Amino acid sequence: MPYPQMTITHQSVRNYIDAKKRGDRATTDRIVAEVQDRFATRTTDGTEAAQLGEASMLVRFGEGE
């Protein structure tokens, strides 16, 4: 992965990055909503949301691979 500063431990974040690179807004929106729901209901410890936030800032939409 070309983002050495990111540590990714959640499959949802990997899926988000792949979808964002493809320019798939429907999938990125769905993943964000799912992660937000898990965070809001405390079914995740917050690292998933933190990693997703970092990925959202570092990966450009539709940048390809």
Protein backbone atom coordinates (compact mmCIF):
# COMPACT_ATOMS: atom_id res chain seq x y z
CA MET A 1 0.00 0.00 0.00
CA PRO A 2 1.43 3.39 -0.94
CA TYR A 3 0.54 5.02 2.40
CA PRO A 4 3.30 3.93 4.79
CA GLN A 5 2.18 6.33 7.49
CA MET A 6 -1.18 4.52 7.80
CA THR A 7 -1.62 1.44 9.92
CA ILE A 8 -4.70 -0.45 8.79
CA THR A 9 -6.09 -3.25 10.91
CA HIS A 10 -9.74 -3.21 9.82
CA GLN A 11 -11.07 -4.82 6.65
CA SER A 12 -13.69 -2.08 6.36
CA VAL A 13 -10.92 0.51 5.99
CA ARG A 14 -9.20 -1.58 3.30
CA ASN A 15 -12.54 -1.84 1.49
CA TYR A 16 -13.07 1.92 1.84
CA ILE A 17 -9.65 2.67 0.34
CA ASP A 18 -10.26 0.31 -2.59
CA ALA A 19 -13.69 1.82 -3.26
CA LYS A 20 -12.40 5.37 -2.99
CA LYS A 21 -9.59 4.66 -5.44
CA ARG A 22 -12.16 3.23 -7.87
CA GLY A 23 -14.33 6.31 -7.48
CA ASP A 24 -17.20 4.28 -6.02
CA ARG A 25 -19.05 6.85 -3.95
CA ALA A 26 -21.99 4.57 -3.08
CA THR A 27 -19.66 2.04 -1.47
CA THR A 28 -17.58 4.64 0.38
CA ASP A 29 -20.76 6.27 1.71
CA ARG A 30 -22.10 2.88 2.85
CA ILE A 31 -18.85 1.98 4.63
CA VAL A 32 -18.70 5.36 6.38
CA ALA A 33 -22.31 4.94 7.56
CA GLU A 34 -21.62 1.42 8.83
CA VAL A 35 -18.51 2.52 10.74
CA GLN A 36 -20.36 5.51 12.21
CA ASP A 37 -23.15 3.20 13.38
CA ARG A 38 -20.69 0.80 15.00
CA PHE A 39 -18.94 3.70 16.72
CA ALA A 40 -22.21 5.24 17.91
CA THR A 41 -23.38 1.95 19.40
CA ARG A 42 -19.94 1.24 20.89
CA THR A 43 -19.52 -2.03 18.98
CA THR A 44 -16.04 -0.87 18.00
CA ASP A 45 -13.25 0.60 20.10
CA GLY A 46 -12.77 3.70 17.94
CA THR A 47 -9.68 2.57 16.05
CA GLU A 48 -11.82 1.67 13.03
CA ALA A 49 -13.27 5.19 12.90
CA ALA A 50 -9.83 6.74 13.42
CA GLN A 51 -8.30 4.68 10.61
CA LEU A 52 -11.22 5.52 8.33
CA GLY A 53 -10.77 9.22 9.06
CA GLU A 54 -7.09 9.01 8.24
CA ALA A 55 -7.80 7.14 5.01
CA SER A 56 -10.40 9.72 4.02
CA MET A 57 -7.75 12.43 4.23
CA LEU A 58 -4.89 10.56 2.54
CA VAL A 59 -6.58 8.71 -0.34
CA ARG A 60 -7.85 10.71 -3.28
CA PHE A 61 -11.20 9.88 -4.77
CA GLY A 62 -10.79 8.03 -8.07
CA GLU A 63 -6.98 8.04 -7.92
CA GLY A 64 -6.75 4.41 -9.09
CA GLU A 65 -3.98 2.11 -8.03
